[in-house]
Amino acid sequence: MENLTITHTENLTLKNAETAIAAAKTKAKELGTLMNIAIVDAGANLIAFAHMDNAWLGSIDISQKKARTARFFNMPTGEIGKLSQPGGALYNIEHSNGGLITFPGGIPIKNAQGHVIGAIGVSGDSVQNDHLVAQAGVDAVSKLVNSGTNI
């Protein structure tokens, strides 16, 4: 019989998810845009969501799929997009897992040890602004994690 090692996977807390959303909303306002912001935990389950007033309704689903995609593959969605171009190693991957998003705006969130504990997905403007807003959310959680504040 094979020996199994059980590992503990940390999850984002609701407090940390709300911190990410607050920072992302602040960045969206700085950029003069309206966003949908989704946060998933280590299991890719939605734990927090914000729809800024008058943000595109079609971007609700996109933001959630960006967060899940980033968590499923533990990399930013824009990087997956580079790999999923015709002829690429992951061509057509966006059709798997109930639909993935392979353009920027989804970023994994890591703990102090570098393990993925969730992800953020943002949609509502250009993919460049989506990524900037998502990164603001990740940076806010990273500050908490690196300061030792409740993960």
N, C-alpha and C. Protein backbone atom coordinates (compact mmCIF):
# COMPACT_ATOMS: atom_id res chain seq x y z
N MET A 1 0.84 -1.19 0.00
CA MET A 1 0.00 0.00 0.00
C MET A 1 0.88 1.25 0.00
N GLU A 2 0.49 2.19 -0.77
CA GLU A 2 1.22 3.44 -0.93
C GLU A 2 0.97 4.38 0.25
N ASN A 3 2.01 5.08 0.71
CA ASN A 3 1.83 6.08 1.76
C ASN A 3 1.31 7.37 1.14
N LEU A 4 0.31 7.92 1.75
CA LEU A 4 -0.27 9.17 1.26
C LEU A 4 0.10 10.30 2.21
N THR A 5 0.43 11.42 1.65
CA THR A 5 0.72 12.59 2.45
C THR A 5 -0.46 13.54 2.34
N ILE A 6 -0.98 13.93 3.48
CA ILE A 6 -2.09 14.88 3.48
C ILE A 6 -1.51 16.27 3.70
N THR A 7 -1.88 17.16 2.81
CA THR A 7 -1.40 18.52 2.94
C THR A 7 -2.56 19.45 3.28
N HIS A 8 -2.24 20.54 3.91
CA HIS A 8 -3.25 21.54 4.27
C HIS A 8 -3.22 22.64 3.21
N THR A 9 -4.35 22.91 2.64
CA THR A 9 -4.47 23.99 1.66
C THR A 9 -5.18 25.16 2.33
N GLU A 10 -4.52 26.29 2.35
CA GLU A 10 -5.15 27.47 2.91
C GLU A 10 -6.12 28.06 1.90
N ASN A 11 -7.12 28.71 2.42
CA ASN A 11 -8.10 29.41 1.60
C ASN A 11 -8.09 30.88 1.94
N LEU A 12 -8.51 31.67 1.01
CA LEU A 12 -8.77 33.07 1.31
C LEU A 12 -9.92 33.16 2.31
N THR A 13 -9.84 34.11 3.19
CA THR A 13 -10.97 34.38 4.07
C THR A 13 -11.88 35.40 3.39
N LEU A 14 -13.09 35.50 3.88
CA LEU A 14 -14.00 36.52 3.37
C LEU A 14 -13.40 37.90 3.60
N LYS A 15 -12.76 38.09 4.73
CA LYS A 15 -12.12 39.38 5.04
C LYS A 15 -11.10 39.74 3.96
N ASN A 16 -10.26 38.76 3.58
CA ASN A 16 -9.26 39.03 2.56
C ASN A 16 -9.90 39.26 1.19
N ALA A 17 -10.96 38.53 0.90
CA ALA A 17 -11.67 38.72 -0.37
C ALA A 17 -12.27 40.12 -0.43
N GLU A 18 -12.84 40.56 0.67
CA GLU A 18 -13.42 41.91 0.71
C GLU A 18 -12.34 42.97 0.59
N THR A 19 -11.16 42.71 1.14
CA THR A 19 -10.03 43.64 0.99
C THR A 19 -9.63 43.75 -0.48
N ALA A 20 -9.58 42.61 -1.17
CA ALA A 20 -9.24 42.61 -2.60
C ALA A 20 -10.28 43.38 -3.40
N ILE A 21 -11.54 43.16 -3.10
CA ILE A 21 -12.61 43.86 -3.83
C ILE A 21 -12.53 45.37 -3.58
N ALA A 22 -12.31 45.77 -2.34
CA ALA A 22 -12.21 47.21 -2.03
C ALA A 22 -11.07 47.86 -2.80
N ALA A 23 -9.91 47.20 -2.83
CA ALA A 23 -8.76 47.75 -3.54
C ALA A 23 -9.02 47.80 -5.04
N ALA A 24 -9.65 46.76 -5.57
CA ALA A 24 -9.97 46.72 -7.00
C ALA A 24 -10.96 47.83 -7.37
N LYS A 25 -11.97 48.03 -6.53
CA LYS A 25 -12.94 49.10 -6.80
C LYS A 25 -12.26 50.46 -6.77
N THR A 26 -11.36 50.65 -5.83
CA THR A 26 -10.63 51.92 -5.75
C THR A 26 -9.83 52.15 -7.04
N LYS A 27 -9.15 51.12 -7.52
CA LYS A 27 -8.36 51.24 -8.75
C LYS A 27 -9.27 51.51 -9.95
N ALA A 28 -10.42 50.84 -10.00
CA ALA A 28 -11.37 51.07 -11.10
C ALA A 28 -11.82 52.53 -11.11
N LYS A 29 -12.10 53.06 -9.93
CA LYS A 29 -12.52 54.47 -9.85
C LYS A 29 -11.40 55.39 -10.31
N GLU A 30 -10.14 55.08 -9.92
CA GLU A 30 -8.99 55.88 -10.36
C GLU A 30 -8.89 55.88 -11.89
N LEU A 31 -9.19 54.75 -12.50
CA LEU A 31 -9.12 54.63 -13.95
C LEU A 31 -10.37 55.16 -14.65
N GLY A 32 -11.38 55.51 -13.87
CA GLY A 32 -12.63 56.03 -14.44
C GLY A 32 -13.45 54.98 -15.15
N THR A 33 -13.46 53.77 -14.62
CA THR A 33 -14.18 52.68 -15.26
C THR A 33 -15.06 51.95 -14.25
N LEU A 34 -15.94 51.13 -14.76
CA LEU A 34 -16.87 50.35 -13.93
C LEU A 34 -16.57 48.87 -14.15
N MET A 35 -16.47 48.13 -13.06
CA MET A 35 -16.04 46.74 -13.16
C MET A 35 -16.93 45.77 -12.41
N ASN A 36 -16.84 44.52 -12.82
CA ASN A 36 -17.37 43.37 -12.09
C ASN A 36 -16.14 42.67 -11.54
N ILE A 37 -16.17 42.35 -10.25
CA ILE A 37 -14.99 41.80 -9.57
C ILE A 37 -15.40 40.53 -8.84
N ALA A 38 -14.76 39.41 -9.19
CA ALA A 38 -15.07 38.12 -8.58
C ALA A 38 -13.85 37.58 -7.86
N ILE A 39 -14.08 36.97 -6.69
CA ILE A 39 -13.02 36.34 -5.93
C ILE A 39 -13.42 34.89 -5.68
N VAL A 40 -12.51 33.96 -6.00
CA VAL A 40 -12.74 32.55 -5.71
C VAL A 40 -11.71 32.06 -4.71
N ASP A 41 -12.08 30.99 -3.98
CA ASP A 41 -11.16 30.40 -3.01
C ASP A 41 -10.28 29.36 -3.68
N ALA A 42 -9.53 28.61 -2.88
CA ALA A 42 -8.60 27.61 -3.41
C ALA A 42 -9.31 26.52 -4.21
N GLY A 43 -10.58 26.28 -3.92
CA GLY A 43 -11.35 25.29 -4.66
C GLY A 43 -12.09 25.87 -5.85
N ALA A 44 -11.81 27.12 -6.19
CA ALA A 44 -12.44 27.84 -7.31
C ALA A 44 -13.91 28.14 -7.06
N ASN A 45 -14.31 28.19 -5.78
CA ASN A 45 -15.68 28.53 -5.42
C ASN A 45 -15.80 30.04 -5.21
N LEU A 46 -16.83 30.64 -5.76
CA LEU A 46 -17.05 32.07 -5.60
C LEU A 46 -17.28 32.38 -4.13
N ILE A 47 -16.47 33.30 -3.56
CA ILE A 47 -16.66 33.69 -2.16
C ILE A 47 -17.01 35.16 -1.99
N ALA A 48 -16.75 35.95 -3.02
CA ALA A 48 -17.12 37.37 -2.95
C ALA A 48 -17.26 37.90 -4.37
N PHE A 49 -18.16 38.86 -4.53
CA PHE A 49 -18.41 39.43 -5.85
C PHE A 49 -18.90 40.86 -5.69
N ALA A 50 -18.48 41.73 -6.59
CA ALA A 50 -18.99 43.10 -6.61
C ALA A 50 -19.30 43.48 -8.05
N HIS A 51 -20.49 44.04 -8.23
CA HIS A 51 -20.91 44.59 -9.53
C HIS A 51 -21.05 46.09 -9.30
N MET A 52 -20.10 46.87 -9.83
CA MET A 52 -20.19 48.31 -9.67
C MET A 52 -21.40 48.82 -10.45
N ASP A 53 -22.08 49.79 -9.89
CA ASP A 53 -23.27 50.33 -10.53
C ASP A 53 -23.00 50.68 -11.99
N ASN A 54 -23.87 50.17 -12.86
CA ASN A 54 -23.82 50.41 -14.30
C ASN A 54 -22.67 49.72 -15.03
N ALA A 55 -21.95 48.82 -14.36
CA ALA A 55 -20.94 48.02 -15.07
C ALA A 55 -21.67 47.10 -16.04
N TRP A 56 -20.97 46.67 -17.09
CA TRP A 56 -21.59 45.82 -18.11
C TRP A 56 -22.12 44.53 -17.50
N LEU A 57 -23.36 44.20 -17.81
CA LEU A 57 -23.96 42.97 -17.30
C LEU A 57 -23.29 41.73 -17.89
N GLY A 58 -22.87 41.81 -19.13
CA GLY A 58 -22.20 40.67 -19.76
C GLY A 58 -20.87 40.33 -19.12
N SER A 59 -20.30 41.28 -18.39
CA SER A 59 -19.02 41.06 -17.74
C SER A 59 -19.13 40.35 -16.39
N ILE A 60 -20.35 40.17 -15.90
CA ILE A 60 -20.52 39.43 -14.64
C ILE A 60 -19.98 38.02 -14.81
N ASP A 61 -20.46 37.33 -15.83
CA ASP A 61 -20.03 35.96 -16.10
C ASP A 61 -18.54 35.92 -16.45
N ILE A 62 -18.08 36.87 -17.23
CA ILE A 62 -16.67 36.89 -17.64
C ILE A 62 -15.76 37.04 -16.43
N SER A 63 -16.10 37.93 -15.49
CA SER A 63 -15.24 38.11 -14.32
C SER A 63 -15.14 36.83 -13.50
N GLN A 64 -16.24 36.13 -13.34
CA GLN A 64 -16.24 34.89 -12.57
C GLN A 64 -15.44 33.81 -13.29
N LYS A 65 -15.57 33.73 -14.60
CA LYS A 65 -14.80 32.75 -15.36
C LYS A 65 -13.31 33.08 -15.37
N LYS A 66 -12.97 34.37 -15.37
CA LYS A 66 -11.56 34.74 -15.30
C LYS A 66 -10.97 34.29 -13.96
N ALA A 67 -11.69 34.50 -12.88
CA ALA A 67 -11.20 34.08 -11.56
C ALA A 67 -11.01 32.56 -11.52
N ARG A 68 -12.00 31.83 -12.00
CA ARG A 68 -11.91 30.36 -11.98
C ARG A 68 -10.78 29.86 -12.88
N THR A 69 -10.64 30.46 -14.05
CA THR A 69 -9.58 30.06 -14.96
C THR A 69 -8.21 30.26 -14.32
N ALA A 70 -8.01 31.42 -13.69
CA ALA A 70 -6.74 31.71 -13.03
C ALA A 70 -6.45 30.68 -11.94
N ARG A 71 -7.49 30.27 -11.20
CA ARG A 71 -7.30 29.27 -10.15
C ARG A 71 -7.12 27.88 -10.71
N PHE A 72 -7.88 27.51 -11.71
CA PHE A 72 -7.75 26.17 -12.28
C PHE A 72 -6.33 25.89 -12.77
N PHE A 73 -5.67 26.91 -13.32
CA PHE A 73 -4.35 26.71 -13.91
C PHE A 73 -3.23 27.45 -13.19
N ASN A 74 -3.56 28.13 -12.09
CA ASN A 74 -2.57 28.81 -11.24
C ASN A 74 -1.66 29.74 -12.02
N MET A 75 -2.27 30.45 -12.96
CA MET A 75 -1.51 31.46 -13.71
C MET A 75 -2.48 32.53 -14.20
N PRO A 76 -1.95 33.71 -14.49
CA PRO A 76 -2.82 34.77 -15.02
C PRO A 76 -3.48 34.34 -16.32
N THR A 77 -4.71 34.76 -16.50
CA THR A 77 -5.46 34.37 -17.70
C THR A 77 -4.80 34.86 -18.99
N GLY A 78 -4.13 35.98 -18.94
CA GLY A 78 -3.43 36.48 -20.12
C GLY A 78 -2.32 35.54 -20.57
N GLU A 79 -1.66 34.87 -19.61
CA GLU A 79 -0.61 33.90 -19.94
C GLU A 79 -1.22 32.67 -20.60
N ILE A 80 -2.38 32.25 -20.11
CA ILE A 80 -3.07 31.12 -20.73
C ILE A 80 -3.45 31.48 -22.17
N GLY A 81 -3.85 32.74 -22.36
CA GLY A 81 -4.20 33.21 -23.70
C GLY A 81 -3.04 33.09 -24.68
N LYS A 82 -1.84 33.38 -24.22
CA LYS A 82 -0.67 33.26 -25.09
C LYS A 82 -0.44 31.81 -25.52
N LEU A 83 -0.74 30.88 -24.60
CA LEU A 83 -0.52 29.46 -24.88
C LEU A 83 -1.66 28.83 -25.67
N SER A 84 -2.79 29.53 -25.76
CA SER A 84 -3.96 28.94 -26.40
C SER A 84 -4.23 29.46 -27.81
N GLN A 85 -3.26 30.13 -28.38
CA GLN A 85 -3.40 30.62 -29.75
C GLN A 85 -3.30 29.45 -30.74
N PRO A 86 -3.85 29.59 -31.95
CA PRO A 86 -3.74 28.50 -32.93
C PRO A 86 -2.29 28.02 -33.05
N GLY A 87 -2.12 26.71 -32.95
CA GLY A 87 -0.79 26.12 -33.00
C GLY A 87 -0.12 26.04 -31.64
N GLY A 88 -0.71 26.69 -30.63
CA GLY A 88 -0.13 26.69 -29.30
C GLY A 88 -0.43 25.40 -28.54
N ALA A 89 0.32 25.18 -27.47
CA ALA A 89 0.19 23.96 -26.68
C ALA A 89 -1.20 23.80 -26.07
N LEU A 90 -1.89 24.90 -25.81
CA LEU A 90 -3.21 24.84 -25.18
C LEU A 90 -4.34 25.30 -26.10
N TYR A 91 -4.12 25.20 -27.40
CA TYR A 91 -5.13 25.66 -28.36
C TYR A 91 -6.48 25.00 -28.07
N ASN A 92 -7.52 25.81 -28.00
CA ASN A 92 -8.90 25.41 -27.74
C ASN A 92 -9.21 25.07 -26.28
N ILE A 93 -8.29 25.35 -25.37
CA ILE A 93 -8.54 25.02 -23.96
C ILE A 93 -9.73 25.80 -23.40
N GLU A 94 -10.05 26.94 -23.99
CA GLU A 94 -11.16 27.75 -23.48
C GLU A 94 -12.50 27.03 -23.55
N HIS A 95 -12.56 25.92 -24.27
CA HIS A 95 -13.79 25.15 -24.38
C HIS A 95 -13.92 24.09 -23.28
N SER A 96 -12.91 23.97 -22.44
CA SER A 96 -12.95 22.98 -21.37
C SER A 96 -13.51 23.59 -20.08
N ASN A 97 -13.75 22.77 -19.11
CA ASN A 97 -14.16 23.21 -17.77
C ASN A 97 -15.39 24.12 -17.77
N GLY A 98 -16.30 23.90 -18.67
CA GLY A 98 -17.50 24.72 -18.72
C GLY A 98 -17.28 26.10 -19.30
N GLY A 99 -16.14 26.32 -19.91
CA GLY A 99 -15.82 27.61 -20.53
C GLY A 99 -14.80 28.38 -19.72
N LEU A 100 -13.68 28.67 -20.32
CA LEU A 100 -12.60 29.43 -19.68
C LEU A 100 -12.45 30.77 -20.38
N ILE A 101 -11.79 31.68 -19.72
CA ILE A 101 -11.47 32.97 -20.33
C ILE A 101 -9.95 33.04 -20.45
N THR A 102 -9.48 33.34 -21.65
CA THR A 102 -8.04 33.29 -21.91
C THR A 102 -7.47 34.65 -22.32
N PHE A 103 -8.04 35.71 -21.78
CA PHE A 103 -7.45 37.03 -21.97
C PHE A 103 -7.30 37.69 -20.61
N PRO A 104 -6.47 38.73 -20.47
CA PRO A 104 -6.12 39.29 -19.17
C PRO A 104 -7.30 39.74 -18.31
N GLY A 105 -7.07 39.66 -16.99
CA GLY A 105 -8.05 40.10 -16.01
C GLY A 105 -8.28 39.08 -14.90
N GLY A 106 -7.67 37.92 -15.01
CA GLY A 106 -7.75 36.90 -13.96
C GLY A 106 -6.35 36.63 -13.43
N ILE A 107 -6.18 36.67 -12.09
CA ILE A 107 -4.86 36.49 -11.49
C ILE A 107 -4.98 35.63 -10.24
N PRO A 108 -4.10 34.63 -10.09
CA PRO A 108 -4.11 33.85 -8.85
C PRO A 108 -3.68 34.71 -7.65
N ILE A 109 -4.16 34.34 -6.49
CA ILE A 109 -3.76 35.00 -5.24
C ILE A 109 -3.00 33.96 -4.42
N LYS A 110 -1.80 34.34 -3.97
CA LYS A 110 -0.93 33.40 -3.26
C LYS A 110 -0.73 33.81 -1.80
N ASN A 111 -0.42 32.82 -0.97
CA ASN A 111 -0.10 33.11 0.43
C ASN A 111 1.38 33.46 0.55
N ALA A 112 1.86 33.68 1.76
CA ALA A 112 3.24 34.09 1.98
C ALA A 112 4.25 33.04 1.52
N GLN A 113 3.82 31.77 1.48
CA GLN A 113 4.70 30.68 1.02
C GLN A 113 4.64 30.48 -0.50
N GLY A 114 3.83 31.26 -1.17
CA GLY A 114 3.72 31.16 -2.62
C GLY A 114 2.70 30.16 -3.11
N HIS A 115 1.89 29.60 -2.21
CA HIS A 115 0.85 28.66 -2.61
C HIS A 115 -0.41 29.42 -3.02
N VAL A 116 -1.05 28.96 -4.07
CA VAL A 116 -2.27 29.61 -4.54
C VAL A 116 -3.41 29.30 -3.57
N ILE A 117 -4.05 30.37 -3.08
CA ILE A 117 -5.14 30.24 -2.11
C ILE A 117 -6.46 30.78 -2.66
N GLY A 118 -6.45 31.21 -3.90
CA GLY A 118 -7.64 31.76 -4.54
C GLY A 118 -7.25 32.52 -5.79
N ALA A 119 -8.20 33.30 -6.30
CA ALA A 119 -7.93 34.09 -7.50
C ALA A 119 -8.96 35.21 -7.60
N ILE A 120 -8.60 36.21 -8.38
CA ILE A 120 -9.50 37.34 -8.67
C ILE A 120 -9.73 37.38 -10.17
N GLY A 121 -10.93 37.75 -10.55
CA GLY A 121 -11.26 37.96 -11.96
C GLY A 121 -11.99 39.28 -12.09
N VAL A 122 -11.59 40.08 -13.06
CA VAL A 122 -12.16 41.41 -13.25
C VAL A 122 -12.53 41.59 -14.72
N SER A 123 -13.71 42.17 -14.95
CA SER A 123 -14.14 42.45 -16.32
C SER A 123 -15.05 43.67 -16.34
N GLY A 124 -14.90 44.46 -17.39
CA GLY A 124 -15.77 45.62 -17.54
C GLY A 124 -15.19 46.72 -18.41
N ASP A 125 -13.95 46.56 -18.85
CA ASP A 125 -13.31 47.60 -19.65
C ASP A 125 -12.31 46.91 -20.58
N SER A 126 -11.26 47.62 -20.97
CA SER A 126 -10.23 46.99 -21.81
C SER A 126 -9.54 45.90 -20.99
N VAL A 127 -8.96 44.92 -21.66
CA VAL A 127 -8.27 43.87 -20.92
C VAL A 127 -7.08 44.44 -20.15
N GLN A 128 -6.49 45.51 -20.63
CA GLN A 128 -5.39 46.14 -19.90
C GLN A 128 -5.89 46.70 -18.57
N ASN A 129 -7.03 47.40 -18.60
CA ASN A 129 -7.58 47.94 -17.35
C ASN A 129 -8.12 46.83 -16.46
N ASP A 130 -8.71 45.80 -17.05
CA ASP A 130 -9.16 44.66 -16.25
C ASP A 130 -7.98 44.09 -15.46
N HIS A 131 -6.84 43.93 -16.12
CA HIS A 131 -5.65 43.38 -15.47
C HIS A 131 -5.15 44.32 -14.36
N LEU A 132 -5.10 45.61 -14.64
CA LEU A 132 -4.63 46.57 -13.63
C LEU A 132 -5.51 46.55 -12.38
N VAL A 133 -6.80 46.46 -12.58
CA VAL A 133 -7.74 46.43 -11.45
C VAL A 133 -7.58 45.12 -10.68
N ALA A 134 -7.44 44.02 -11.38
CA ALA A 134 -7.22 42.73 -10.71
C ALA A 134 -5.92 42.75 -9.92
N GLN A 135 -4.88 43.30 -10.51
CA GLN A 135 -3.58 43.36 -9.82
C GLN A 135 -3.67 44.18 -8.54
N ALA A 136 -4.46 45.24 -8.54
CA ALA A 136 -4.64 46.04 -7.32
C ALA A 136 -5.26 45.18 -6.21
N GLY A 137 -6.20 44.33 -6.57
CA GLY A 137 -6.80 43.43 -5.59
C GLY A 137 -5.80 42.44 -5.04
N VAL A 138 -5.00 41.85 -5.93
CA VAL A 138 -3.97 40.89 -5.52
C VAL A 138 -2.95 41.58 -4.60
N ASP A 139 -2.52 42.77 -4.97
CA ASP A 139 -1.53 43.49 -4.18
C ASP A 139 -2.04 43.78 -2.77
N ALA A 140 -3.31 44.12 -2.65
CA ALA A 140 -3.89 44.41 -1.33
C ALA A 140 -3.87 43.18 -0.44
N VAL A 141 -4.21 42.02 -1.00
CA VAL A 141 -4.18 40.78 -0.21
C VAL A 141 -2.74 40.40 0.12
N SER A 142 -1.81 40.60 -0.82
CA SER A 142 -0.41 40.29 -0.58
C SER A 142 0.15 41.09 0.58
N LYS A 143 -0.25 42.34 0.71
CA LYS A 143 0.20 43.16 1.85
C LYS A 143 -0.27 42.56 3.16
N LEU A 144 -1.52 42.09 3.20
CA LEU A 144 -2.05 41.45 4.41
C LEU A 144 -1.30 40.18 4.72
N VAL A 145 -1.09 39.36 3.70
CA VAL A 145 -0.43 38.07 3.87
C VAL A 145 1.02 38.27 4.35
N ASN A 146 1.72 39.20 3.72
CA ASN A 146 3.12 39.43 4.07
C ASN A 146 3.30 40.09 5.42
N SER A 147 2.25 40.76 5.90
CA SER A 147 2.33 41.38 7.23
C SER A 147 1.93 40.38 8.32
N GLY A 148 1.49 39.18 7.89
CA GLY A 148 1.08 38.16 8.86
C GLY A 148 -0.34 38.34 9.35
N THR A 149 -1.09 39.25 8.73
CA THR A 149 -2.48 39.47 9.12
C THR A 149 -3.33 38.32 8.63
N ASN A 150 -4.24 37.86 9.44
CA ASN A 150 -5.19 36.79 9.17
C ASN A 150 -5.40 36.48 7.69
N ILE A 151 -4.95 35.29 7.27
CA ILE A 151 -5.14 34.88 5.88
C ILE A 151 -6.54 34.39 5.73
